[in-house]
């Protein structure tokens, strides 16, 4: 990705905040990076036969997701692993934004 991609998410108070995806690469999986409070979180999103999975590089954390557009379900699944509601919402909205940016069936398969 040649540019920074912004996305919108709602925090727990319903406030709309702009997040920043600083890196996106799509192969058989989506590879992207999220800027969170000055820290860059490397993420891998893939779709296997068993469903969607999100992996955080260097953290050894994997989350089973629902449809990438289902922010509520995915935020809860991410929260179960991270125990941080705001970060979980931010990541779930980033997953949705990345998924909508590129059509998986067109651009990957």
PDB file of N, CA and C in Angstrom:
ATOM      1  N   UNK A   1       0.856  -1.163   0.000  1.00  0.00           N
ATOM      2  CA  UNK A   1       0.000   0.000   0.000  1.00  0.00           C
ATOM      3  C   UNK A   1       0.902   1.226   0.000  1.00  0.00           C
ATOM      4  N   UNK A   2       0.656   2.135  -0.883  1.00  0.00           N
ATOM      5  CA  UNK A   2       1.489   3.318  -1.031  1.00  0.00           C
ATOM      6  C   UNK A   2       1.081   4.461  -0.117  1.00  0.00           C
ATOM      7  N   UNK A   3      -0.033   4.344   0.537  1.00  0.00           N
ATOM      8  CA  UNK A   3      -0.559   5.464   1.302  1.00  0.00           C
ATOM      9  C   UNK A   3      -1.090   4.977   2.640  1.00  0.00           C
ATOM     10  N   UNK A   4      -1.295   5.909   3.513  1.00  0.00           N
ATOM     11  CA  UNK A   4      -1.929   5.601   4.787  1.00  0.00           C
ATOM     12  C   UNK A   4      -3.426   5.512   4.549  1.00  0.00           C
ATOM     13  N   UNK A   5      -4.069   4.536   5.152  1.00  0.00           N
ATOM     14  CA  UNK A   5      -5.506   4.355   4.997  1.00  0.00           C
ATOM     15  C   UNK A   5      -6.165   4.647   6.344  1.00  0.00           C
ATOM     16  N   UNK A   6      -7.039   5.607   6.374  1.00  0.00           N
ATOM     17  CA  UNK A   6      -7.773   5.928   7.591  1.00  0.00           C
ATOM     18  C   UNK A   6      -9.068   5.136   7.642  1.00  0.00           C
ATOM     19  N   UNK A   7      -9.524   4.856   8.859  1.00  0.00           N
ATOM     20  CA  UNK A   7     -10.815   4.206   9.059  1.00  0.00           C
ATOM     21  C   UNK A   7     -11.450   4.804  10.301  1.00  0.00           C
ATOM     22  N   UNK A   8     -12.745   4.688  10.406  1.00  0.00           N
ATOM     23  CA  UNK A   8     -13.471   5.231  11.548  1.00  0.00           C
ATOM     24  C   UNK A   8     -13.910   4.096  12.452  1.00  0.00           C
ATOM     25  N   UNK A   9     -13.865   4.333  13.756  1.00  0.00           N
ATOM     26  CA  UNK A   9     -14.389   3.365  14.704  1.00  0.00           C
ATOM     27  C   UNK A   9     -15.036   4.115  15.863  1.00  0.00           C
ATOM     28  N   UNK A  10     -15.912   3.400  16.580  1.00  0.00           N
ATOM     29  CA  UNK A  10     -16.566   3.975  17.749  1.00  0.00           C
ATOM     30  C   UNK A  10     -15.947   3.370  19.000  1.00  0.00           C
ATOM     31  N   UNK A  11     -15.604   4.231  19.960  1.00  0.00           N
ATOM     32  CA  UNK A  11     -15.095   3.717  21.226  1.00  0.00           C
ATOM     33  C   UNK A  11     -16.277   3.320  22.105  1.00  0.00           C
ATOM     34  N   UNK A  12     -16.007   2.899  23.324  1.00  0.00           N
ATOM     35  CA  UNK A  12     -17.072   2.438  24.223  1.00  0.00           C
ATOM     36  C   UNK A  12     -18.093   3.507  24.552  1.00  0.00           C
ATOM     37  N   UNK A  13     -17.702   4.769  24.448  1.00  0.00           N
ATOM     38  CA  UNK A  13     -18.617   5.870  24.731  1.00  0.00           C
ATOM     39  C   UNK A  13     -19.408   6.303  23.496  1.00  0.00           C
ATOM     40  N   UNK A  14     -19.184   5.617  22.364  1.00  0.00           N
ATOM     41  CA  UNK A  14     -19.879   5.967  21.131  1.00  0.00           C
ATOM     42  C   UNK A  14     -19.218   7.083  20.349  1.00  0.00           C
ATOM     43  N   UNK A  15     -18.071   7.549  20.822  1.00  0.00           N
ATOM     44  CA  UNK A  15     -17.343   8.619  20.139  1.00  0.00           C
ATOM     45  C   UNK A  15     -16.684   8.052  18.880  1.00  0.00           C
ATOM     46  N   UNK A  16     -16.850   8.742  17.765  1.00  0.00           N
ATOM     47  CA  UNK A  16     -16.256   8.299  16.509  1.00  0.00           C
ATOM     48  C   UNK A  16     -14.827   8.833  16.432  1.00  0.00           C
ATOM     49  N   UNK A  17     -13.893   7.904  16.217  1.00  0.00           N
ATOM     50  CA  UNK A  17     -12.471   8.231  16.194  1.00  0.00           C
ATOM     51  C   UNK A  17     -11.882   7.727  14.884  1.00  0.00           C
ATOM     52  N   UNK A  18     -10.903   8.445  14.361  1.00  0.00           N
ATOM     53  CA  UNK A  18     -10.214   8.023  13.145  1.00  0.00           C
ATOM     54  C   UNK A  18      -8.991   7.198  13.526  1.00  0.00           C
ATOM     55  N   UNK A  19      -8.907   5.979  12.973  1.00  0.00           N
ATOM     56  CA  UNK A  19      -7.739   5.123  13.148  1.00  0.00           C
ATOM     57  C   UNK A  19      -6.895   5.182  11.893  1.00  0.00           C
ATOM     58  N   UNK A  20      -5.708   4.645  11.975  1.00  0.00           N
ATOM     59  CA  UNK A  20      -4.787   4.718  10.848  1.00  0.00           C
ATOM     60  C   UNK A  20      -4.180   3.349  10.571  1.00  0.00           C
ATOM     61  N   UNK A  21      -4.326   2.888   9.333  1.00  0.00           N
ATOM     62  CA  UNK A  21      -3.675   1.671   8.872  1.00  0.00           C
ATOM     63  C   UNK A  21      -2.485   2.138   8.047  1.00  0.00           C
ATOM     64  N   UNK A  22      -1.291   1.816   8.522  1.00  0.00           N
ATOM     65  CA  UNK A  22      -0.087   2.347   7.894  1.00  0.00           C
ATOM     66  C   UNK A  22       0.518   1.393   6.882  1.00  0.00           C
ATOM     67  N   UNK A  23       0.052   0.160   6.868  1.00  0.00           N
ATOM     68  CA  UNK A  23       0.612  -0.821   5.950  1.00  0.00           C
ATOM     69  C   UNK A  23      -0.451  -1.858   5.641  1.00  0.00           C
ATOM     70  N   UNK A  24      -0.576  -2.262   4.366  1.00  0.00           N
ATOM     71  CA  UNK A  24      -1.520  -3.297   3.955  1.00  0.00           C
ATOM     72  C   UNK A  24      -0.918  -4.060   2.793  1.00  0.00           C
ATOM     73  N   UNK A  25      -0.860  -5.388   2.923  1.00  0.00           N
ATOM     74  CA  UNK A  25      -0.362  -6.261   1.863  1.00  0.00           C
ATOM     75  C   UNK A  25      -1.285  -7.464   1.817  1.00  0.00           C
ATOM     76  N   UNK A  26      -1.786  -7.809   0.626  1.00  0.00           N
ATOM     77  CA  UNK A  26      -2.719  -8.915   0.505  1.00  0.00           C
ATOM     78  C   UNK A  26      -2.101 -10.011  -0.347  1.00  0.00           C
ATOM     79  N   UNK A  27      -2.034 -11.194   0.212  1.00  0.00           N
ATOM     80  CA  UNK A  27      -1.651 -12.421  -0.496  1.00  0.00           C
ATOM     81  C   UNK A  27      -2.778 -13.396  -0.183  1.00  0.00           C
ATOM     82  N   UNK A  28      -2.497 -14.660   0.081  1.00  0.00           N
ATOM     83  CA  UNK A  28      -3.618 -15.489   0.540  1.00  0.00           C
ATOM     84  C   UNK A  28      -4.156 -15.038   1.889  1.00  0.00           C
ATOM     85  N   UNK A  29      -3.532 -14.045   2.470  1.00  0.00           N
ATOM     86  CA  UNK A  29      -4.018 -13.458   3.701  1.00  0.00           C
ATOM     87  C   UNK A  29      -3.810 -11.945   3.625  1.00  0.00           C
ATOM     88  N   UNK A  30      -4.475 -11.224   4.486  1.00  0.00           N
ATOM     89  CA  UNK A  30      -4.286  -9.782   4.582  1.00  0.00           C
ATOM     90  C   UNK A  30      -3.203  -9.537   5.627  1.00  0.00           C
ATOM     91  N   UNK A  31      -2.233  -8.750   5.304  1.00  0.00           N
ATOM     92  CA  UNK A  31      -1.210  -8.338   6.254  1.00  0.00           C
ATOM     93  C   UNK A  31      -1.329  -6.822   6.393  1.00  0.00           C
ATOM     94  N   UNK A  32      -1.537  -6.346   7.612  1.00  0.00           N
ATOM     95  CA  UNK A  32      -1.669  -4.909   7.807  1.00  0.00           C
ATOM     96  C   UNK A  32      -1.137  -4.505   9.167  1.00  0.00           C
ATOM     97  N   UNK A  33      -0.943  -3.242   9.314  1.00  0.00           N
ATOM     98  CA  UNK A  33      -0.370  -2.675  10.523  1.00  0.00           C
ATOM     99  C   UNK A  33      -1.278  -1.561  11.021  1.00  0.00           C
ATOM    100  N   UNK A  34      -1.555  -1.547  12.315  1.00  0.00           N
ATOM    101  CA  UNK A  34      -2.415  -0.530  12.910  1.00  0.00           C
ATOM    102  C   UNK A  34      -1.588   0.320  13.866  1.00  0.00           C
ATOM    103  N   UNK A  35      -1.764   1.614  13.779  1.00  0.00           N
ATOM    104  CA  UNK A  35      -1.107   2.536  14.705  1.00  0.00           C
ATOM    105  C   UNK A  35      -2.009   2.717  15.921  1.00  0.00           C
ATOM    106  N   UNK A  36      -1.496   2.352  17.111  1.00  0.00           N
ATOM    107  CA  UNK A  36      -2.251   2.483  18.357  1.00  0.00           C
ATOM    108  C   UNK A  36      -1.370   3.201  19.370  1.00  0.00           C
ATOM    109  N   UNK A  37      -1.710   4.433  19.680  1.00  0.00           N
ATOM    110  CA  UNK A  37      -0.963   5.214  20.673  1.00  0.00           C
ATOM    111  C   UNK A  37       0.544   5.195  20.416  1.00  0.00           C
ATOM    112  N   UNK A  38       0.932   5.390  19.176  1.00  0.00           N
ATOM    113  CA  UNK A  38       2.347   5.434  18.824  1.00  0.00           C
ATOM    114  C   UNK A  38       3.003   4.074  18.637  1.00  0.00           C
ATOM    115  N   UNK A  39       2.261   3.009  18.873  1.00  0.00           N
ATOM    116  CA  UNK A  39       2.770   1.652  18.707  1.00  0.00           C
ATOM    117  C   UNK A  39       2.152   1.047  17.457  1.00  0.00           C
ATOM    118  N   UNK A  40       2.943   0.348  16.665  1.00  0.00           N
ATOM    119  CA  UNK A  40       2.423  -0.303  15.460  1.00  0.00           C
ATOM    120  C   UNK A  40       2.200  -1.782  15.723  1.00  0.00           C
ATOM    121  N   UNK A  41       0.957  -2.202  15.550  1.00  0.00           N
ATOM    122  CA  UNK A  41       0.570  -3.588  15.767  1.00  0.00           C
ATOM    123  C   UNK A  41       0.464  -4.279  14.413  1.00  0.00           C
ATOM    124  N   UNK A  42       1.298  -5.266  14.178  1.00  0.00           N
ATOM    125  CA  UNK A  42       1.271  -6.028  12.922  1.00  0.00           C
ATOM    126  C   UNK A  42       0.216  -7.115  13.023  1.00  0.00           C
ATOM    127  N   UNK A  43      -0.647  -7.190  11.995  1.00  0.00           N
ATOM    128  CA  UNK A  43      -1.767  -8.122  12.010  1.00  0.00           C
ATOM    129  C   UNK A  43      -1.800  -8.948  10.729  1.00  0.00           C
ATOM    130  N   UNK A  44      -2.283 -10.170  10.868  1.00  0.00           N
ATOM    131  CA  UNK A  44      -2.526 -11.045   9.724  1.00  0.00           C
ATOM    132  C   UNK A  44      -3.965 -11.530   9.817  1.00  0.00           C
ATOM    133  N   UNK A  45      -4.719 -11.341   8.749  1.00  0.00           N
ATOM    134  CA  UNK A  45      -6.105 -11.788   8.670  1.00  0.00           C
ATOM    135  C   UNK A  45      -6.192 -12.803   7.552  1.00  0.00           C
ATOM    136  N   UNK A  46      -6.649 -14.007   7.894  1.00  0.00           N
ATOM    137  CA  UNK A  46      -6.775 -15.020   6.845  1.00  0.00           C
ATOM    138  C   UNK A  46      -8.122 -15.717   6.939  1.00  0.00           C
ATOM    139  N   UNK A  47      -8.468 -16.366   5.852  1.00  0.00           N
ATOM    140  CA  UNK A  47      -9.706 -17.126   5.799  1.00  0.00           C
ATOM    141  C   UNK A  47      -9.363 -18.561   5.455  1.00  0.00           C
ATOM    142  N   UNK A  48      -9.535 -19.423   6.428  1.00  0.00           N
ATOM    143  CA  UNK A  48      -9.300 -20.842   6.225  1.00  0.00           C
ATOM    144  C   UNK A  48     -10.657 -21.534   6.147  1.00  0.00           C
ATOM    145  N   UNK A  49     -10.648 -22.830   5.934  1.00  0.00           N
ATOM    146  CA  UNK A  49     -11.909 -23.558   5.842  1.00  0.00           C
ATOM    147  C   UNK A  49     -12.747 -23.399   7.107  1.00  0.00           C
ATOM    148  N   UNK A  50     -12.084 -23.254   8.236  1.00  0.00           N
ATOM    149  CA  UNK A  50     -12.816 -23.142   9.503  1.00  0.00           C
ATOM    150  C   UNK A  50     -13.305 -21.725   9.789  1.00  0.00           C
ATOM    151  N   UNK A  51     -12.934 -20.752   8.960  1.00  0.00           N
ATOM    152  CA  UNK A  51     -13.409 -19.389   9.158  1.00  0.00           C
ATOM    153  C   UNK A  51     -12.296 -18.366   9.135  1.00  0.00           C
ATOM    154  N   UNK A  52     -12.621 -17.161   9.599  1.00  0.00           N
ATOM    155  CA  UNK A  52     -11.682 -16.052   9.607  1.00  0.00           C
ATOM    156  C   UNK A  52     -10.842 -16.074  10.874  1.00  0.00           C
ATOM    157  N   UNK A  53      -9.559 -15.756  10.721  1.00  0.00           N
ATOM    158  CA  UNK A  53      -8.630 -15.723  11.846  1.00  0.00           C
ATOM    159  C   UNK A  53      -7.808 -14.439  11.790  1.00  0.00           C
ATOM    160  N   UNK A  54      -7.547 -13.885  12.950  1.00  0.00           N
ATOM    161  CA  UNK A  54      -6.691 -12.711  13.074  1.00  0.00           C
ATOM    162  C   UNK A  54      -5.533 -13.088  13.985  1.00  0.00           C
ATOM    163  N   UNK A  55      -4.327 -12.825  13.517  1.00  0.00           N
ATOM    164  CA  UNK A  55      -3.129 -13.140  14.284  1.00  0.00           C
ATOM    165  C   UNK A  55      -2.338 -11.851  14.477  1.00  0.00           C
ATOM    166  N   UNK A  56      -1.850 -11.648  15.695  1.00  0.00           N
ATOM    167  CA  UNK A  56      -1.017 -10.493  15.987  1.00  0.00           C
ATOM    168  C   UNK A  56       0.432 -10.950  15.984  1.00  0.00           C
ATOM    169  N   UNK A  57       1.209 -10.430  15.060  1.00  0.00           N
ATOM    170  CA  UNK A  57       2.616 -10.804  14.946  1.00  0.00           C
ATOM    171  C   UNK A  57       3.357 -10.391  16.217  1.00  0.00           C
ATOM    172  N   UNK A  58       4.329 -11.160  16.578  1.00  0.00           N
ATOM    173  CA  UNK A  58       5.190 -10.923  17.744  1.00  0.00           C
ATOM    174  C   UNK A  58       4.449 -11.004  19.074  1.00  0.00           C
ATOM    175  N   UNK A  59       3.168 -11.333  19.071  1.00  0.00           N
ATOM    176  CA  UNK A  59       2.421 -11.439  20.331  1.00  0.00           C
ATOM    177  C   UNK A  59       1.947 -12.859  20.593  1.00  0.00           C
ATOM    178  N   UNK A  60       2.029 -13.713  19.587  1.00  0.00           N
ATOM    179  CA  UNK A  60       1.570 -15.093  19.696  1.00  0.00           C
ATOM    180  C   UNK A  60       0.104 -15.165  20.144  1.00  0.00           C
ATOM    181  N   UNK A  61      -0.719 -14.276  19.564  1.00  0.00           N
ATOM    182  CA  UNK A  61      -2.150 -14.254  19.859  1.00  0.00           C
ATOM    183  C   UNK A  61      -2.909 -14.468  18.560  1.00  0.00           C
ATOM    184  N   UNK A  62      -3.849 -15.407  18.582  1.00  0.00           N
ATOM    185  CA  UNK A  62      -4.711 -15.653  17.432  1.00  0.00           C
ATOM    186  C   UNK A  62      -6.156 -15.597  17.888  1.00  0.00           C
ATOM    187  N   UNK A  63      -6.995 -14.972  17.059  1.00  0.00           N
ATOM    188  CA  UNK A  63      -8.409 -14.794  17.388  1.00  0.00           C
ATOM    189  C   UNK A  63      -9.250 -15.354  16.246  1.00  0.00           C
ATOM    190  N   UNK A  64     -10.242 -16.163  16.589  1.00  0.00           N
ATOM    191  CA  UNK A  64     -11.205 -16.627  15.591  1.00  0.00           C
ATOM    192  C   UNK A  64     -12.282 -15.555  15.468  1.00  0.00           C
ATOM    193  N   UNK A  65     -12.470 -15.078  14.239  1.00  0.00           N
ATOM    194  CA  UNK A  65     -13.425 -13.997  13.983  1.00  0.00           C
ATOM    195  C   UNK A  65     -14.666 -14.513  13.274  1.00  0.00           C
ATOM    196  N   UNK A  66     -15.690 -13.680  13.281  1.00  0.00           N
ATOM    197  CA  UNK A  66     -16.850 -13.898  12.430  1.00  0.00           C
ATOM    198  C   UNK A  66     -16.567 -13.226  11.088  1.00  0.00           C
ATOM    199  N   UNK A  67     -17.606 -12.883  10.373  1.00  0.00           N
ATOM    200  CA  UNK A  67     -17.431 -12.143   9.133  1.00  0.00           C
ATOM    201  C   UNK A  67     -16.660 -10.860   9.443  1.00  0.00           C
ATOM    202  N   UNK A  68     -15.667 -10.502   8.623  1.00  0.00           N
ATOM    203  CA  UNK A  68     -14.881  -9.295   8.906  1.00  0.00           C
ATOM    204  C   UNK A  68     -15.703  -8.019   9.042  1.00  0.00           C
ATOM    205  N   UNK A  69     -16.924  -7.997   8.500  1.00  0.00           N
ATOM    206  CA  UNK A  69     -17.772  -6.808   8.611  1.00  0.00           C
ATOM    207  C   UNK A  69     -18.559  -6.756   9.927  1.00  0.00           C
ATOM    208  N   UNK A  70     -18.522  -7.838  10.710  1.00  0.00           N
ATOM    209  CA  UNK A  70     -19.277  -7.914  11.966  1.00  0.00           C
ATOM    210  C   UNK A  70     -18.432  -7.357  13.115  1.00  0.00           C
ATOM    211  N   UNK A  71     -18.459  -6.048  13.270  1.00  0.00           N
ATOM    212  CA  UNK A  71     -17.617  -5.359  14.245  1.00  0.00           C
ATOM    213  C   UNK A  71     -17.940  -5.794  15.677  1.00  0.00           C
ATOM    214  N   UNK A  72     -19.202  -5.919  16.009  1.00  0.00           N
ATOM    215  CA  UNK A  72     -19.590  -6.263  17.381  1.00  0.00           C
ATOM    216  C   UNK A  72     -19.058  -7.630  17.781  1.00  0.00           C
ATOM    217  N   UNK A  73     -19.313  -8.633  16.954  1.00  0.00           N
ATOM    218  CA  UNK A  73     -18.836  -9.988  17.253  1.00  0.00           C
ATOM    219  C   UNK A  73     -17.315 -10.024  17.332  1.00  0.00           C
ATOM    220  N   UNK A  74     -16.658  -9.409  16.356  1.00  0.00           N
ATOM    221  CA  UNK A  74     -15.201  -9.464  16.302  1.00  0.00           C
ATOM    222  C   UNK A  74     -14.552  -8.698  17.453  1.00  0.00           C
ATOM    223  N   UNK A  75     -15.145  -7.567  17.836  1.00  0.00           N
ATOM    224  CA  UNK A  75     -14.607  -6.818  18.979  1.00  0.00           C
ATOM    225  C   UNK A  75     -14.682  -7.659  20.251  1.00  0.00           C
ATOM    226  N   UNK A  76     -15.771  -8.401  20.422  1.00  0.00           N
ATOM    227  CA  UNK A  76     -15.902  -9.270  21.596  1.00  0.00           C
ATOM    228  C   UNK A  76     -14.882 -10.400  21.561  1.00  0.00           C
ATOM    229  N   UNK A  77     -14.678 -10.989  20.372  1.00  0.00           N
ATOM    230  CA  UNK A  77     -13.694 -12.069  20.241  1.00  0.00           C
ATOM    231  C   UNK A  77     -12.276 -11.560  20.520  1.00  0.00           C
ATOM    232  N   UNK A  78     -11.967 -10.382  20.030  1.00  0.00           N
ATOM    233  CA  UNK A  78     -10.649  -9.785  20.264  1.00  0.00           C
ATOM    234  C   UNK A  78     -10.500  -9.428  21.742  1.00  0.00           C
ATOM    235  N   UNK A  79     -11.565  -8.895  22.338  1.00  0.00           N
ATOM    236  CA  UNK A  79     -11.535  -8.536  23.755  1.00  0.00           C
ATOM    237  C   UNK A  79     -11.243  -9.760  24.628  1.00  0.00           C
ATOM    238  N   UNK A  80     -11.790 -10.911  24.261  1.00  0.00           N
ATOM    239  CA  UNK A  80     -11.539 -12.134  25.028  1.00  0.00           C
ATOM    240  C   UNK A  80     -10.049 -12.444  25.132  1.00  0.00           C
ATOM    241  N   UNK A  81      -9.273 -12.016  24.140  1.00  0.00           N
ATOM    242  CA  UNK A  81      -7.826 -12.256  24.137  1.00  0.00           C
ATOM    243  C   UNK A  81      -7.034 -11.088  24.720  1.00  0.00           C
ATOM    244  N   UNK A  82      -7.450  -9.838  24.411  1.00  0.00           N
ATOM    245  CA  UNK A  82      -6.657  -8.665  24.791  1.00  0.00           C
ATOM    246  C   UNK A  82      -7.087  -8.015  26.098  1.00  0.00           C
ATOM    247  N   UNK A  83      -8.359  -8.181  26.472  1.00  0.00           N
ATOM    248  CA  UNK A  83      -8.915  -7.576  27.692  1.00  0.00           C
ATOM    249  C   UNK A  83      -8.836  -6.052  27.696  1.00  0.00           C
ATOM    250  N   UNK A  84      -8.969  -5.442  26.517  1.00  0.00           N
ATOM    251  CA  UNK A  84      -8.975  -3.979  26.396  1.00  0.00           C
ATOM    252  C   UNK A  84     -10.071  -3.621  25.401  1.00  0.00           C
ATOM    253  N   UNK A  85     -11.171  -3.044  25.893  1.00  0.00           N
ATOM    254  CA  UNK A  85     -12.339  -2.789  25.047  1.00  0.00           C
ATOM    255  C   UNK A  85     -12.058  -1.795  23.925  1.00  0.00           C
ATOM    256  N   UNK A  86     -11.397  -0.681  24.254  1.00  0.00           N
ATOM    257  CA  UNK A  86     -11.145   0.323  23.217  1.00  0.00           C
ATOM    258  C   UNK A  86     -10.227  -0.213  22.121  1.00  0.00           C
ATOM    259  N   UNK A  87      -9.173  -0.894  22.509  1.00  0.00           N
ATOM    260  CA  UNK A  87      -8.255  -1.469  21.517  1.00  0.00           C
ATOM    261  C   UNK A  87      -8.966  -2.539  20.696  1.00  0.00           C
ATOM    262  N   UNK A  88      -9.805  -3.328  21.333  1.00  0.00           N
ATOM    263  CA  UNK A  88     -10.543  -4.376  20.621  1.00  0.00           C
ATOM    264  C   UNK A  88     -11.480  -3.775  19.577  1.00  0.00           C
ATOM    265  N   UNK A  89     -12.175  -2.702  19.938  1.00  0.00           N
ATOM    266  CA  UNK A  89     -13.044  -2.018  18.975  1.00  0.00           C
ATOM    267  C   UNK A  89     -12.225  -1.429  17.829  1.00  0.00           C
ATOM    268  N   UNK A  90     -11.114  -0.815  18.160  1.00  0.00           N
ATOM    269  CA  UNK A  90     -10.258  -0.213  17.142  1.00  0.00           C
ATOM    270  C   UNK A  90      -9.795  -1.280  16.136  1.00  0.00           C
ATOM    271  N   UNK A  91      -9.379  -2.414  16.640  1.00  0.00           N
ATOM    272  CA  UNK A  91      -8.896  -3.484  15.764  1.00  0.00           C
ATOM    273  C   UNK A  91     -10.039  -4.060  14.938  1.00  0.00           C
ATOM    274  N   UNK A  92     -11.211  -4.259  15.543  1.00  0.00           N
ATOM    275  CA  UNK A  92     -12.361  -4.806  14.803  1.00  0.00           C
ATOM    276  C   UNK A  92     -12.770  -3.889  13.657  1.00  0.00           C
ATOM    277  N   UNK A  93     -12.762  -2.582  13.892  1.00  0.00           N
ATOM    278  CA  UNK A  93     -13.069  -1.636  12.812  1.00  0.00           C
ATOM    279  C   UNK A  93     -11.981  -1.629  11.747  1.00  0.00           C
ATOM    280  N   UNK A  94     -10.735  -1.807  12.151  1.00  0.00           N
ATOM    281  CA  UNK A  94      -9.642  -1.884  11.176  1.00  0.00           C
ATOM    282  C   UNK A  94      -9.793  -3.121  10.298  1.00  0.00           C
ATOM    283  N   UNK A  95     -10.165  -4.252  10.895  1.00  0.00           N
ATOM    284  CA  UNK A  95     -10.405  -5.478  10.128  1.00  0.00           C
ATOM    285  C   UNK A  95     -11.490  -5.235   9.080  1.00  0.00           C
ATOM    286  N   UNK A  96     -12.570  -4.603   9.495  1.00  0.00           N
ATOM    287  CA  UNK A  96     -13.659  -4.294   8.559  1.00  0.00           C
ATOM    288  C   UNK A  96     -13.175  -3.390   7.430  1.00  0.00           C
ATOM    289  N   UNK A  97     -12.411  -2.355   7.774  1.00  0.00           N
ATOM    290  CA  UNK A  97     -11.912  -1.415   6.766  1.00  0.00           C
ATOM    291  C   UNK A  97     -10.989  -2.100   5.768  1.00  0.00           C
ATOM    292  N   UNK A  98     -10.107  -2.944   6.264  1.00  0.00           N
ATOM    293  CA  UNK A  98      -9.182  -3.678   5.384  1.00  0.00           C
ATOM    294  C   UNK A  98      -9.966  -4.603   4.465  1.00  0.00           C
ATOM    295  N   UNK A  99     -10.924  -5.323   5.029  1.00  0.00           N
ATOM    296  CA  UNK A  99     -11.735  -6.254   4.246  1.00  0.00           C
ATOM    297  C   UNK A  99     -12.514  -5.520   3.150  1.00  0.00           C
ATOM    298  N   UNK A 100     -13.081  -4.373   3.481  1.00  0.00           N
ATOM    299  CA  UNK A 100     -13.857  -3.612   2.500  1.00  0.00           C
ATOM    300  C   UNK A 100     -12.968  -2.930   1.459  1.00  0.00           C
ATOM    301  N   UNK A 101     -11.722  -2.637   1.826  1.00  0.00           N
ATOM    302  CA  UNK A 101     -10.786  -1.998   0.898  1.00  0.00           C
ATOM    303  C   UNK A 101     -10.456  -2.916  -0.275  1.00  0.00           C
ATOM    304  N   UNK A 102     -10.307  -4.185   0.020  1.00  0.00           N
ATOM    305  CA  UNK A 102      -9.960  -5.180  -1.006  1.00  0.00           C
ATOM    306  C   UNK A 102     -10.962  -6.306  -0.984  1.00  0.00           C
ATOM    307  N   UNK A 103     -11.445  -6.702  -2.130  1.00  0.00           N
ATOM    308  CA  UNK A 103     -12.387  -7.803  -2.260  1.00  0.00           C
ATOM    309  C   UNK A 103     -11.605  -9.112  -2.203  1.00  0.00           C
ATOM    310  N   UNK A 104     -11.772  -9.870  -1.127  1.00  0.00           N
ATOM    311  CA  UNK A 104     -11.010 -11.099  -0.914  1.00  0.00           C
ATOM    312  C   UNK A 104     -11.139 -12.062  -2.113  1.00  0.00           C
ATOM    313  N   UNK A 105     -12.353 -12.307  -2.551  1.00  0.00           N
ATOM    314  CA  UNK A 105     -12.551 -13.273  -3.634  1.00  0.00           C
ATOM    315  C   UNK A 105     -11.993 -12.779  -4.961  1.00  0.00           C
ATOM    316  N   UNK A 106     -11.959 -11.468  -5.169  1.00  0.00           N
ATOM    317  CA  UNK A 106     -11.429 -10.912  -6.401  1.00  0.00           C
ATOM    318  C   UNK A 106      -9.908 -10.722  -6.339  1.00  0.00           C
ATOM    319  N   UNK A 107      -9.440 -10.167  -5.229  1.00  0.00           N
ATOM    320  CA  UNK A 107      -8.035  -9.766  -5.142  1.00  0.00           C
ATOM    321  C   UNK A 107      -7.107 -10.855  -4.616  1.00  0.00           C
ATOM    322  N   UNK A 108      -7.652 -11.859  -3.918  1.00  0.00           N
ATOM    323  CA  UNK A 108      -6.803 -12.863  -3.305  1.00  0.00           C
ATOM    324  C   UNK A 108      -6.924 -14.221  -3.979  1.00  0.00           C
ATOM    325  N   UNK A 109      -8.133 -14.662  -4.211  1.00  0.00           N
ATOM    326  CA  UNK A 109      -8.322 -16.019  -4.769  1.00  0.00           C
ATOM    327  C   UNK A 109      -8.067 -16.077  -6.253  1.00  0.00           C
TER     328      UNK A 109
END
